Amino acid sequence: MQLAVSMADHERASLVQQAVEIVSQLPEFLSFRRMLDLGGGPGLVGIAIVSAHPSMEGVIFDRPAIIKVAETFIKEYEMEDRMEVMGGDYNYDSIGEGYDMVWASNALNFARHDMDSLMKKVYDALSPGGVFVVLHEGLTHERTMPDAHVLCMMSMALMGQDMCFDQGFIADSMLRVGFKSVRSRTLDTDWGPMDLDIGRKA
């Protein structure tokens, strides 16, 4: 936990800590051997999750330029023996396979118009019994709430780039591509209410 608290600014540290709490409370956590942080950016969340596990290894996937930052943090936290990076565009490129858990936080917006294709890619990348954990906004009340997300994304929406998700959009996609079960709930975060969707593969 100390690793999470020491990283970057308060908001990022808060997300890192919350991610570790979410994943470490999964009943499958101790059996995980390999995880993917999809759209993992600088890799801080993936590094913290792997650090909280006694032996799990992890992969950070993001665009090639961003992955260079993740490599820097992996070295800084001396996680080279348990972490690796993979660069690409998740809409078109392979994300690897054989994962026991895939984590994605605020990372799926660029697949909004073809979510089922990305969701099927994640499903196929998971080992049997694998878990997909997604933390994202979920708009309600005819896309007028939560106000924090609506205001944050308003400028992009006015330019015709509405990339926010309605509540239930991600969970519905999980079910359509074959996840045997999906559990959803809303969490309080520093960014306002966020939806947590957890899909499990048979």
N, C-alpha and C. Protein backbone atom coordinates (compact mmCIF):
# COMPACT_ATOMS: atom_id res chain seq x y z
N MET A 1 0.82 -1.20 0.00
CA MET A 1 0.00 0.00 0.00
C MET A 1 0.86 1.26 0.00
N GLN A 2 2.02 1.19 0.66
CA GLN A 2 2.88 2.36 0.72
C GLN A 2 3.34 2.78 -0.68
N LEU A 3 3.53 1.80 -1.57
CA LEU A 3 3.91 2.10 -2.94
C LEU A 3 2.87 3.00 -3.59
N ALA A 4 1.59 2.64 -3.38
CA ALA A 4 0.52 3.42 -4.00
C ALA A 4 0.49 4.84 -3.46
N VAL A 5 0.64 4.99 -2.17
CA VAL A 5 0.52 6.31 -1.56
C VAL A 5 1.65 7.23 -2.00
N SER A 6 2.81 6.69 -2.31
CA SER A 6 3.96 7.52 -2.65
C SER A 6 3.97 7.96 -4.10
N MET A 7 3.08 7.49 -4.93
CA MET A 7 3.11 7.77 -6.36
C MET A 7 2.39 9.05 -6.73
N ALA A 8 3.11 9.90 -7.51
CA ALA A 8 2.53 11.06 -8.19
C ALA A 8 1.66 11.90 -7.27
N ASP A 9 0.65 12.53 -7.84
CA ASP A 9 -0.20 13.45 -7.08
C ASP A 9 -1.31 12.71 -6.35
N HIS A 10 -2.10 13.49 -5.61
CA HIS A 10 -3.12 12.88 -4.74
C HIS A 10 -4.16 12.10 -5.52
N GLU A 11 -4.67 12.66 -6.61
CA GLU A 11 -5.74 11.98 -7.35
C GLU A 11 -5.25 10.68 -7.95
N ARG A 12 -4.06 10.70 -8.54
CA ARG A 12 -3.54 9.47 -9.12
C ARG A 12 -3.27 8.45 -8.02
N ALA A 13 -2.71 8.90 -6.90
CA ALA A 13 -2.46 7.99 -5.79
C ALA A 13 -3.74 7.39 -5.27
N SER A 14 -4.80 8.20 -5.26
CA SER A 14 -6.09 7.71 -4.78
C SER A 14 -6.62 6.60 -5.68
N LEU A 15 -6.50 6.80 -7.01
CA LEU A 15 -6.95 5.77 -7.95
C LEU A 15 -6.13 4.50 -7.77
N VAL A 16 -4.82 4.64 -7.62
CA VAL A 16 -3.95 3.49 -7.45
C VAL A 16 -4.35 2.70 -6.22
N GLN A 17 -4.56 3.41 -5.12
CA GLN A 17 -4.93 2.74 -3.87
C GLN A 17 -6.28 2.05 -4.00
N GLN A 18 -7.24 2.72 -4.64
CA GLN A 18 -8.56 2.13 -4.80
C GLN A 18 -8.50 0.89 -5.69
N ALA A 19 -7.68 0.95 -6.74
CA ALA A 19 -7.52 -0.20 -7.63
C ALA A 19 -6.97 -1.40 -6.88
N VAL A 20 -5.95 -1.17 -6.07
CA VAL A 20 -5.37 -2.27 -5.29
C VAL A 20 -6.41 -2.87 -4.36
N GLU A 21 -7.21 -2.04 -3.72
CA GLU A 21 -8.25 -2.55 -2.81
C GLU A 21 -9.28 -3.37 -3.57
N ILE A 22 -9.70 -2.89 -4.74
CA ILE A 22 -10.70 -3.61 -5.53
C ILE A 22 -10.19 -4.98 -5.93
N VAL A 23 -8.99 -5.02 -6.50
CA VAL A 23 -8.46 -6.28 -7.02
C VAL A 23 -8.10 -7.24 -5.90
N SER A 24 -7.50 -6.75 -4.84
CA SER A 24 -7.08 -7.64 -3.75
C SER A 24 -8.26 -8.26 -3.01
N GLN A 25 -9.45 -7.67 -3.16
CA GLN A 25 -10.64 -8.22 -2.52
C GLN A 25 -11.36 -9.26 -3.39
N LEU A 26 -10.92 -9.43 -4.63
CA LEU A 26 -11.52 -10.46 -5.48
C LEU A 26 -11.21 -11.83 -4.90
N PRO A 27 -12.18 -12.75 -4.87
CA PRO A 27 -11.91 -14.08 -4.30
C PRO A 27 -10.83 -14.85 -5.05
N GLU A 28 -10.62 -14.51 -6.32
CA GLU A 28 -9.60 -15.21 -7.12
C GLU A 28 -8.21 -14.62 -6.97
N PHE A 29 -8.07 -13.54 -6.24
CA PHE A 29 -6.84 -12.75 -6.25
C PHE A 29 -5.57 -13.57 -6.05
N LEU A 30 -5.52 -14.39 -5.02
CA LEU A 30 -4.29 -15.12 -4.70
C LEU A 30 -3.94 -16.16 -5.77
N SER A 31 -4.92 -16.56 -6.57
CA SER A 31 -4.64 -17.55 -7.62
C SER A 31 -4.18 -16.90 -8.92
N PHE A 32 -4.24 -15.57 -9.02
CA PHE A 32 -3.80 -14.89 -10.24
C PHE A 32 -2.30 -15.09 -10.46
N ARG A 33 -1.96 -15.36 -11.72
CA ARG A 33 -0.55 -15.51 -12.08
C ARG A 33 -0.08 -14.39 -13.01
N ARG A 34 -1.00 -13.86 -13.83
CA ARG A 34 -0.62 -12.87 -14.83
C ARG A 34 -1.78 -11.91 -15.07
N MET A 35 -1.49 -10.62 -15.08
CA MET A 35 -2.54 -9.63 -15.30
C MET A 35 -2.13 -8.67 -16.41
N LEU A 36 -3.16 -8.01 -16.99
CA LEU A 36 -2.96 -6.97 -17.99
C LEU A 36 -3.61 -5.69 -17.50
N ASP A 37 -2.87 -4.59 -17.55
CA ASP A 37 -3.44 -3.27 -17.32
C ASP A 37 -3.67 -2.66 -18.70
N LEU A 38 -4.92 -2.70 -19.17
CA LEU A 38 -5.26 -2.29 -20.53
C LEU A 38 -5.43 -0.77 -20.58
N GLY A 39 -4.66 -0.12 -21.46
CA GLY A 39 -4.67 1.34 -21.49
C GLY A 39 -4.09 1.88 -20.21
N GLY A 40 -3.03 1.24 -19.75
CA GLY A 40 -2.48 1.49 -18.41
C GLY A 40 -1.69 2.77 -18.23
N GLY A 41 -1.50 3.55 -19.31
CA GLY A 41 -0.79 4.82 -19.17
C GLY A 41 0.59 4.64 -18.58
N PRO A 42 0.93 5.42 -17.56
CA PRO A 42 2.28 5.32 -16.97
C PRO A 42 2.53 4.03 -16.20
N GLY A 43 1.50 3.21 -16.03
CA GLY A 43 1.70 1.91 -15.41
C GLY A 43 1.62 1.87 -13.90
N LEU A 44 1.26 2.97 -13.28
CA LEU A 44 1.28 3.03 -11.82
C LEU A 44 0.26 2.09 -11.18
N VAL A 45 -0.92 1.98 -11.80
CA VAL A 45 -1.94 1.08 -11.25
C VAL A 45 -1.47 -0.37 -11.38
N GLY A 46 -1.01 -0.75 -12.56
CA GLY A 46 -0.55 -2.12 -12.75
C GLY A 46 0.60 -2.48 -11.83
N ILE A 47 1.55 -1.57 -11.67
CA ILE A 47 2.68 -1.81 -10.78
C ILE A 47 2.20 -2.04 -9.34
N ALA A 48 1.26 -1.21 -8.90
CA ALA A 48 0.78 -1.33 -7.52
C ALA A 48 0.00 -2.62 -7.30
N ILE A 49 -0.82 -3.01 -8.27
CA ILE A 49 -1.58 -4.26 -8.14
C ILE A 49 -0.63 -5.46 -8.07
N VAL A 50 0.34 -5.50 -8.96
CA VAL A 50 1.30 -6.60 -8.95
C VAL A 50 2.11 -6.60 -7.66
N SER A 51 2.48 -5.42 -7.16
CA SER A 51 3.25 -5.32 -5.92
C SER A 51 2.47 -5.87 -4.72
N ALA A 52 1.14 -5.77 -4.79
CA ALA A 52 0.31 -6.24 -3.67
C ALA A 52 0.12 -7.75 -3.66
N HIS A 53 0.57 -8.41 -4.71
CA HIS A 53 0.40 -9.86 -4.85
C HIS A 53 1.76 -10.53 -4.61
N PRO A 54 1.77 -11.70 -4.00
CA PRO A 54 3.06 -12.33 -3.69
C PRO A 54 3.86 -12.78 -4.91
N SER A 55 3.20 -13.08 -6.04
CA SER A 55 3.96 -13.65 -7.16
C SER A 55 3.44 -13.29 -8.54
N MET A 56 2.32 -12.59 -8.65
CA MET A 56 1.75 -12.30 -9.96
C MET A 56 2.67 -11.43 -10.81
N GLU A 57 2.63 -11.64 -12.12
CA GLU A 57 3.35 -10.80 -13.07
C GLU A 57 2.34 -9.96 -13.86
N GLY A 58 2.82 -8.86 -14.45
CA GLY A 58 1.90 -7.95 -15.11
C GLY A 58 2.42 -7.39 -16.41
N VAL A 59 1.46 -6.97 -17.25
CA VAL A 59 1.76 -6.33 -18.53
C VAL A 59 1.01 -5.01 -18.59
N ILE A 60 1.69 -3.96 -18.99
CA ILE A 60 1.05 -2.66 -19.22
C ILE A 60 0.89 -2.49 -20.73
N PHE A 61 -0.35 -2.29 -21.19
CA PHE A 61 -0.60 -2.08 -22.61
C PHE A 61 -1.07 -0.65 -22.84
N ASP A 62 -0.41 0.04 -23.75
CA ASP A 62 -0.85 1.37 -24.15
C ASP A 62 -0.13 1.72 -25.45
N ARG A 63 -0.36 2.93 -25.94
CA ARG A 63 0.29 3.35 -27.17
C ARG A 63 1.81 3.42 -26.95
N PRO A 64 2.57 3.19 -28.02
CA PRO A 64 4.03 3.10 -27.88
C PRO A 64 4.69 4.28 -27.17
N ALA A 65 4.26 5.50 -27.46
CA ALA A 65 4.88 6.65 -26.82
C ALA A 65 4.62 6.67 -25.32
N ILE A 66 3.43 6.24 -24.91
CA ILE A 66 3.06 6.23 -23.49
C ILE A 66 3.78 5.11 -22.75
N ILE A 67 3.97 3.99 -23.44
CA ILE A 67 4.65 2.85 -22.83
C ILE A 67 6.07 3.20 -22.39
N LYS A 68 6.69 4.15 -23.06
CA LYS A 68 8.03 4.57 -22.66
C LYS A 68 8.02 5.14 -21.24
N VAL A 69 6.95 5.84 -20.90
CA VAL A 69 6.81 6.37 -19.53
C VAL A 69 6.63 5.22 -18.55
N ALA A 70 5.82 4.24 -18.93
CA ALA A 70 5.61 3.08 -18.06
C ALA A 70 6.93 2.34 -17.80
N GLU A 71 7.75 2.22 -18.82
CA GLU A 71 9.05 1.57 -18.63
C GLU A 71 9.90 2.30 -17.60
N THR A 72 9.82 3.62 -17.61
CA THR A 72 10.57 4.41 -16.63
C THR A 72 10.12 4.12 -15.21
N PHE A 73 8.79 4.05 -15.00
CA PHE A 73 8.27 3.77 -13.66
C PHE A 73 8.58 2.34 -13.23
N ILE A 74 8.52 1.40 -14.16
CA ILE A 74 8.86 0.01 -13.83
C ILE A 74 10.29 -0.08 -13.30
N LYS A 75 11.19 0.65 -13.94
CA LYS A 75 12.57 0.66 -13.47
C LYS A 75 12.70 1.38 -12.13
N GLU A 76 11.98 2.51 -12.01
CA GLU A 76 12.05 3.28 -10.77
C GLU A 76 11.61 2.46 -9.56
N TYR A 77 10.57 1.64 -9.74
CA TYR A 77 10.07 0.83 -8.63
C TYR A 77 10.66 -0.57 -8.62
N GLU A 78 11.71 -0.78 -9.44
CA GLU A 78 12.47 -2.03 -9.46
C GLU A 78 11.56 -3.24 -9.65
N MET A 79 10.70 -3.13 -10.67
CA MET A 79 9.74 -4.20 -10.96
C MET A 79 10.02 -4.89 -12.29
N GLU A 80 11.25 -4.74 -12.80
CA GLU A 80 11.57 -5.31 -14.11
C GLU A 80 11.38 -6.82 -14.17
N ASP A 81 11.55 -7.51 -13.03
CA ASP A 81 11.42 -8.96 -13.04
C ASP A 81 9.97 -9.43 -13.06
N ARG A 82 9.03 -8.51 -12.81
CA ARG A 82 7.62 -8.92 -12.75
C ARG A 82 6.71 -8.13 -13.69
N MET A 83 7.24 -7.10 -14.33
CA MET A 83 6.41 -6.26 -15.20
C MET A 83 7.03 -6.15 -16.59
N GLU A 84 6.18 -6.11 -17.60
CA GLU A 84 6.62 -5.85 -18.96
C GLU A 84 5.61 -4.92 -19.63
N VAL A 85 5.97 -4.40 -20.78
CA VAL A 85 5.09 -3.48 -21.49
C VAL A 85 4.79 -4.01 -22.88
N MET A 86 3.67 -3.55 -23.43
CA MET A 86 3.27 -3.91 -24.78
C MET A 86 2.66 -2.67 -25.42
N GLY A 87 3.20 -2.24 -26.54
CA GLY A 87 2.71 -1.04 -27.20
C GLY A 87 1.82 -1.36 -28.38
N GLY A 88 0.78 -0.54 -28.58
CA GLY A 88 -0.11 -0.74 -29.72
C GLY A 88 -1.41 0.02 -29.54
N ASP A 89 -2.35 -0.26 -30.41
CA ASP A 89 -3.70 0.31 -30.36
C ASP A 89 -4.65 -0.84 -30.10
N TYR A 90 -5.33 -0.83 -28.96
CA TYR A 90 -6.15 -1.99 -28.61
C TYR A 90 -7.29 -2.25 -29.58
N ASN A 91 -7.64 -1.26 -30.39
CA ASN A 91 -8.70 -1.48 -31.38
C ASN A 91 -8.24 -2.37 -32.53
N TYR A 92 -6.93 -2.41 -32.78
CA TYR A 92 -6.43 -3.11 -33.96
C TYR A 92 -5.37 -4.16 -33.65
N ASP A 93 -4.61 -3.96 -32.60
CA ASP A 93 -3.46 -4.82 -32.33
C ASP A 93 -3.77 -5.87 -31.27
N SER A 94 -2.96 -6.91 -31.24
CA SER A 94 -3.08 -7.94 -30.22
C SER A 94 -2.76 -7.35 -28.84
N ILE A 95 -3.48 -7.82 -27.84
CA ILE A 95 -3.20 -7.39 -26.47
C ILE A 95 -2.57 -8.53 -25.65
N GLY A 96 -2.20 -9.60 -26.34
CA GLY A 96 -1.62 -10.75 -25.65
C GLY A 96 -2.70 -11.74 -25.22
N GLU A 97 -2.28 -12.73 -24.45
CA GLU A 97 -3.22 -13.76 -24.00
C GLU A 97 -2.70 -14.41 -22.73
N GLY A 98 -3.53 -15.29 -22.18
CA GLY A 98 -3.13 -16.02 -20.98
C GLY A 98 -3.20 -15.22 -19.70
N TYR A 99 -4.08 -14.21 -19.67
CA TYR A 99 -4.22 -13.38 -18.47
C TYR A 99 -5.27 -13.97 -17.52
N ASP A 100 -4.99 -13.92 -16.24
CA ASP A 100 -5.98 -14.31 -15.24
C ASP A 100 -6.88 -13.14 -14.88
N MET A 101 -6.37 -11.92 -15.09
CA MET A 101 -7.15 -10.73 -14.79
C MET A 101 -6.74 -9.61 -15.73
N VAL A 102 -7.73 -8.89 -16.24
CA VAL A 102 -7.48 -7.68 -17.01
C VAL A 102 -8.13 -6.52 -16.27
N TRP A 103 -7.36 -5.45 -16.09
CA TRP A 103 -7.84 -4.24 -15.42
C TRP A 103 -7.90 -3.11 -16.46
N ALA A 104 -8.97 -2.30 -16.42
CA ALA A 104 -9.06 -1.11 -17.27
C ALA A 104 -9.76 -0.01 -16.49
N SER A 105 -9.09 1.12 -16.31
CA SER A 105 -9.71 2.26 -15.62
C SER A 105 -9.63 3.49 -16.51
N ASN A 106 -10.79 4.05 -16.84
CA ASN A 106 -10.87 5.24 -17.70
C ASN A 106 -10.07 5.04 -18.98
N ALA A 107 -10.17 3.86 -19.57
CA ALA A 107 -9.29 3.53 -20.68
C ALA A 107 -10.02 3.01 -21.92
N LEU A 108 -11.33 2.89 -21.89
CA LEU A 108 -12.04 2.23 -22.98
C LEU A 108 -12.76 3.20 -23.91
N ASN A 109 -12.62 4.49 -23.69
CA ASN A 109 -13.40 5.47 -24.45
C ASN A 109 -13.17 5.39 -25.95
N PHE A 110 -11.96 5.04 -26.37
CA PHE A 110 -11.67 5.01 -27.80
C PHE A 110 -12.23 3.78 -28.49
N ALA A 111 -12.93 2.94 -27.73
CA ALA A 111 -13.61 1.78 -28.32
C ALA A 111 -15.12 1.93 -28.21
N ARG A 112 -15.59 3.13 -27.88
CA ARG A 112 -17.01 3.32 -27.59
C ARG A 112 -17.91 2.86 -28.73
N HIS A 113 -17.51 3.09 -29.98
CA HIS A 113 -18.38 2.78 -31.11
C HIS A 113 -18.22 1.35 -31.62
N ASP A 114 -17.29 0.60 -31.03
CA ASP A 114 -17.13 -0.81 -31.38
C ASP A 114 -16.72 -1.59 -30.14
N MET A 115 -17.46 -1.35 -29.07
CA MET A 115 -17.09 -1.93 -27.78
C MET A 115 -17.11 -3.45 -27.81
N ASP A 116 -18.07 -4.04 -28.50
CA ASP A 116 -18.16 -5.50 -28.49
C ASP A 116 -16.90 -6.15 -29.08
N SER A 117 -16.30 -5.52 -30.09
CA SER A 117 -15.08 -6.09 -30.68
C SER A 117 -13.94 -6.09 -29.67
N LEU A 118 -13.77 -4.97 -28.95
CA LEU A 118 -12.73 -4.93 -27.93
C LEU A 118 -13.06 -5.89 -26.79
N MET A 119 -14.31 -5.95 -26.40
CA MET A 119 -14.70 -6.83 -25.31
C MET A 119 -14.42 -8.29 -25.66
N LYS A 120 -14.67 -8.67 -26.92
CA LYS A 120 -14.39 -10.04 -27.34
C LYS A 120 -12.88 -10.29 -27.34
N LYS A 121 -12.10 -9.28 -27.69
CA LYS A 121 -10.64 -9.41 -27.66
C LYS A 121 -10.17 -9.65 -26.22
N VAL A 122 -10.74 -8.93 -25.28
CA VAL A 122 -10.38 -9.14 -23.87
C VAL A 122 -10.82 -10.53 -23.41
N TYR A 123 -12.04 -10.91 -23.79
CA TYR A 123 -12.56 -12.24 -23.41
C TYR A 123 -11.62 -13.33 -23.90
N ASP A 124 -11.19 -13.23 -25.15
CA ASP A 124 -10.29 -14.25 -25.71
C ASP A 124 -8.92 -14.22 -25.07
N ALA A 125 -8.48 -13.06 -24.58
CA ALA A 125 -7.16 -12.93 -23.95
C ALA A 125 -7.12 -13.50 -22.54
N LEU A 126 -8.29 -13.68 -21.94
CA LEU A 126 -8.38 -14.20 -20.58
C LEU A 126 -8.30 -15.73 -20.57
N SER A 127 -7.63 -16.28 -19.58
CA SER A 127 -7.64 -17.71 -19.36
C SER A 127 -9.01 -18.13 -18.84
N PRO A 128 -9.36 -19.42 -18.93
CA PRO A 128 -10.63 -19.88 -18.33
C PRO A 128 -10.72 -19.46 -16.87
N GLY A 129 -11.86 -18.91 -16.49
CA GLY A 129 -12.03 -18.42 -15.12
C GLY A 129 -11.48 -17.03 -14.90
N GLY A 130 -10.99 -16.40 -15.97
CA GLY A 130 -10.39 -15.07 -15.85
C GLY A 130 -11.41 -13.99 -15.53
N VAL A 131 -10.90 -12.86 -15.04
CA VAL A 131 -11.75 -11.76 -14.55
C VAL A 131 -11.38 -10.46 -15.27
N PHE A 132 -12.39 -9.74 -15.74
CA PHE A 132 -12.18 -8.43 -16.35
C PHE A 132 -12.79 -7.39 -15.42
N VAL A 133 -11.95 -6.46 -14.95
CA VAL A 133 -12.38 -5.43 -14.00
C VAL A 133 -12.29 -4.07 -14.70
N VAL A 134 -13.42 -3.37 -14.79
CA VAL A 134 -13.47 -2.08 -15.48
C VAL A 134 -14.00 -1.01 -14.53
N LEU A 135 -13.26 0.09 -14.38
CA LEU A 135 -13.69 1.24 -13.60
C LEU A 135 -13.86 2.40 -14.56
N HIS A 136 -15.10 2.89 -14.69
CA HIS A 136 -15.41 3.90 -15.70
C HIS A 136 -16.59 4.74 -15.25
N GLU A 137 -16.78 5.89 -15.95
CA GLU A 137 -17.98 6.67 -15.68
C GLU A 137 -19.21 5.93 -16.19
N GLY A 138 -20.37 6.23 -15.60
CA GLY A 138 -21.64 5.68 -16.08
C GLY A 138 -22.70 6.76 -15.99
N LEU A 139 -23.06 7.35 -17.11
CA LEU A 139 -24.00 8.47 -17.11
C LEU A 139 -25.43 7.97 -16.89
N THR A 140 -26.19 8.76 -16.14
CA THR A 140 -27.58 8.43 -15.83
C THR A 140 -28.46 9.66 -16.08
N HIS A 141 -29.75 9.52 -15.81
CA HIS A 141 -30.71 10.62 -15.94
C HIS A 141 -30.59 11.29 -17.32
N GLU A 142 -30.73 10.44 -18.35
CA GLU A 142 -30.65 10.91 -19.73
C GLU A 142 -29.33 11.64 -20.00
N ARG A 143 -28.27 11.08 -19.45
CA ARG A 143 -26.90 11.56 -19.66
C ARG A 143 -26.65 12.95 -19.08
N THR A 144 -27.36 13.29 -18.01
CA THR A 144 -27.15 14.58 -17.34
C THR A 144 -26.46 14.43 -15.99
N MET A 145 -26.25 13.20 -15.53
CA MET A 145 -25.62 12.92 -14.24
C MET A 145 -24.65 11.74 -14.42
N PRO A 146 -23.64 11.62 -13.54
CA PRO A 146 -23.20 12.55 -12.51
C PRO A 146 -22.63 13.83 -13.12
N ASP A 147 -22.91 14.96 -12.47
CA ASP A 147 -22.54 16.25 -13.04
C ASP A 147 -21.03 16.39 -13.23
N ALA A 148 -20.22 15.77 -12.37
CA ALA A 148 -18.76 15.89 -12.50
C ALA A 148 -18.28 15.36 -13.84
N HIS A 149 -18.84 14.24 -14.29
CA HIS A 149 -18.43 13.66 -15.56
C HIS A 149 -19.00 14.44 -16.74
N VAL A 150 -20.24 14.88 -16.61
CA VAL A 150 -20.88 15.63 -17.69
C VAL A 150 -20.12 16.92 -17.95
N LEU A 151 -19.77 17.65 -16.89
CA LEU A 151 -19.05 18.91 -17.06
C LEU A 151 -17.65 18.69 -17.60
N CYS A 152 -16.99 17.63 -17.14
CA CYS A 152 -15.62 17.35 -17.57
C CYS A 152 -15.55 17.07 -19.06
N MET A 153 -16.55 16.37 -19.59
CA MET A 153 -16.52 15.95 -20.98
C MET A 153 -17.32 16.86 -21.91
N MET A 154 -17.87 17.95 -21.37
CA MET A 154 -18.78 18.78 -22.17
C MET A 154 -18.09 19.40 -23.39
N SER A 155 -16.86 19.89 -23.21
CA SER A 155 -16.19 20.54 -24.34
C SER A 155 -15.98 19.57 -25.49
N MET A 156 -15.62 18.31 -25.18
CA MET A 156 -15.43 17.33 -26.24
C MET A 156 -16.77 16.96 -26.88
N ALA A 157 -17.82 16.87 -26.06
CA ALA A 157 -19.14 16.53 -26.59
C ALA A 157 -19.63 17.61 -27.54
N LEU A 158 -19.37 18.88 -27.22
CA LEU A 158 -19.80 19.98 -28.07
C LEU A 158 -19.07 19.97 -29.42
N MET A 159 -17.90 19.34 -29.46
CA MET A 159 -17.15 19.22 -30.70
C MET A 159 -17.49 17.93 -31.44
N GLY A 160 -18.54 17.24 -30.97
CA GLY A 160 -18.97 16.02 -31.64
C GLY A 160 -18.20 14.79 -31.23
N GLN A 161 -17.48 14.85 -30.11
CA GLN A 161 -16.70 13.71 -29.65
C GLN A 161 -17.21 13.24 -28.29
N ASP A 162 -18.45 12.81 -28.26
CA ASP A 162 -19.05 12.31 -27.03
C ASP A 162 -18.54 10.89 -26.79
N MET A 163 -17.65 10.75 -25.82
CA MET A 163 -16.99 9.47 -25.57
C MET A 163 -17.39 8.86 -24.24
N CYS A 164 -18.38 9.42 -23.57
CA CYS A 164 -18.79 8.89 -22.27
C CYS A 164 -19.72 7.69 -22.43
N PHE A 165 -19.76 6.88 -21.40
CA PHE A 165 -20.60 5.69 -21.41
C PHE A 165 -21.84 5.88 -20.56
N ASP A 166 -22.97 5.40 -21.05
CA ASP A 166 -24.16 5.31 -20.22
C ASP A 166 -23.95 4.19 -19.21
N GLN A 167 -24.58 4.33 -18.06
CA GLN A 167 -24.49 3.28 -17.05
C GLN A 167 -25.04 1.98 -17.62
N GLY A 168 -24.28 0.92 -17.46
CA GLY A 168 -24.70 -0.39 -17.96
C GLY A 168 -24.16 -0.74 -19.34
N PHE A 169 -23.62 0.25 -20.06
CA PHE A 169 -23.14 0.01 -21.42
C PHE A 169 -22.03 -1.04 -21.45
N ILE A 170 -21.06 -0.92 -20.56
CA ILE A 170 -19.93 -1.84 -20.54
C ILE A 170 -20.37 -3.23 -20.06
N ALA A 171 -21.19 -3.26 -19.02
CA ALA A 171 -21.67 -4.55 -18.51
C ALA A 171 -22.47 -5.29 -19.56
N ASP A 172 -23.32 -4.58 -20.30
CA ASP A 172 -24.11 -5.22 -21.36
C ASP A 172 -23.21 -5.81 -22.43
N SER A 173 -22.13 -5.10 -22.79
CA SER A 173 -21.21 -5.60 -23.79
C SER A 173 -20.51 -6.86 -23.28
N MET A 174 -20.13 -6.89 -22.02
CA MET A 174 -19.52 -8.08 -21.44
C MET A 174 -20.42 -9.30 -21.63
N LEU A 175 -21.69 -9.13 -21.32
CA LEU A 175 -22.63 -10.24 -21.42
C LEU A 175 -22.84 -10.67 -22.87
N ARG A 176 -22.86 -9.71 -23.78
CA ARG A 176 -23.08 -10.06 -25.19
C ARG A 176 -21.97 -10.92 -25.77
N VAL A 177 -20.72 -10.70 -25.32
CA VAL A 177 -19.60 -11.45 -25.91
C VAL A 177 -19.32 -12.76 -25.19
N GLY A 178 -20.05 -13.05 -24.11
CA GLY A 178 -19.93 -14.37 -23.52
C GLY A 178 -19.49 -14.48 -22.07
N PHE A 179 -19.21 -13.35 -21.39
CA PHE A 179 -18.88 -13.46 -19.97
C PHE A 179 -20.04 -14.12 -19.24
N LYS A 180 -19.72 -15.09 -18.38
CA LYS A 180 -20.78 -15.87 -17.75
C LYS A 180 -21.54 -15.08 -16.69
N SER A 181 -20.86 -14.08 -16.10
CA SER A 181 -21.53 -13.25 -15.10
C SER A 181 -20.87 -11.89 -15.05
N VAL A 182 -21.66 -10.90 -14.69
CA VAL A 182 -21.16 -9.54 -14.52
C VAL A 182 -21.78 -8.96 -13.25
N ARG A 183 -20.93 -8.41 -12.40
CA ARG A 183 -21.41 -7.72 -11.20
C ARG A 183 -21.02 -6.26 -11.30
N SER A 184 -21.97 -5.39 -11.02
CA SER A 184 -21.74 -3.95 -11.17
C SER A 184 -22.15 -3.21 -9.90
N ARG A 185 -21.38 -2.16 -9.59
CA ARG A 185 -21.77 -1.28 -8.51
C ARG A 185 -21.13 0.09 -8.74
N THR A 186 -21.62 1.10 -8.05
CA THR A 186 -21.09 2.45 -8.17
C THR A 186 -20.24 2.77 -6.96
N LEU A 187 -19.04 3.31 -7.22
CA LEU A 187 -18.10 3.66 -6.15
C LEU A 187 -17.91 5.16 -6.09
N ASP A 188 -17.66 5.68 -4.90
CA ASP A 188 -17.27 7.08 -4.75
C ASP A 188 -15.77 7.20 -4.97
N THR A 189 -15.36 8.13 -5.83
CA THR A 189 -13.95 8.35 -6.09
C THR A 189 -13.68 9.86 -6.08
N ASP A 190 -12.40 10.22 -6.22
CA ASP A 190 -12.05 11.64 -6.28
C ASP A 190 -12.57 12.30 -7.55
N TRP A 191 -12.96 11.49 -8.53
CA TRP A 191 -13.52 12.03 -9.77
C TRP A 191 -15.05 12.03 -9.75
N GLY A 192 -15.64 11.68 -8.60
CA GLY A 192 -17.08 11.54 -8.52
C GLY A 192 -17.47 10.07 -8.61
N PRO A 193 -18.76 9.78 -8.70
CA PRO A 193 -19.21 8.38 -8.77
C PRO A 193 -18.67 7.69 -10.02
N MET A 194 -18.14 6.49 -9.84
CA MET A 194 -17.63 5.69 -10.96
C MET A 194 -18.26 4.31 -10.90
N ASP A 195 -18.53 3.75 -12.07
CA ASP A 195 -19.10 2.41 -12.14
C ASP A 195 -17.99 1.37 -12.18
N LEU A 196 -18.15 0.32 -11.38
CA LEU A 196 -17.24 -0.80 -11.35
C LEU A 196 -17.98 -2.01 -11.92
N ASP A 197 -17.49 -2.53 -13.05
CA ASP A 197 -18.08 -3.71 -13.68
C ASP A 197 -17.06 -4.83 -13.63
N ILE A 198 -17.45 -5.99 -13.11
CA ILE A 198 -16.55 -7.13 -12.98
C ILE A 198 -17.17 -8.31 -13.73
N GLY A 199 -16.53 -8.68 -14.84
CA GLY A 199 -17.01 -9.80 -15.65
C GLY A 199 -16.13 -11.02 -15.44
N ARG A 200 -16.77 -12.18 -15.39
CA ARG A 200 -16.04 -13.44 -15.20
C ARG A 200 -16.27 -14.39 -16.36
N LYS A 201 -15.17 -14.94 -16.86
CA LYS A 201 -15.21 -15.88 -17.98
C LYS A 201 -15.40 -17.29 -17.44
N ALA A 202 -16.16 -18.08 -18.15
CA ALA A 202 -16.39 -19.46 -17.71
C ALA A 202 -15.10 -20.26 -17.75
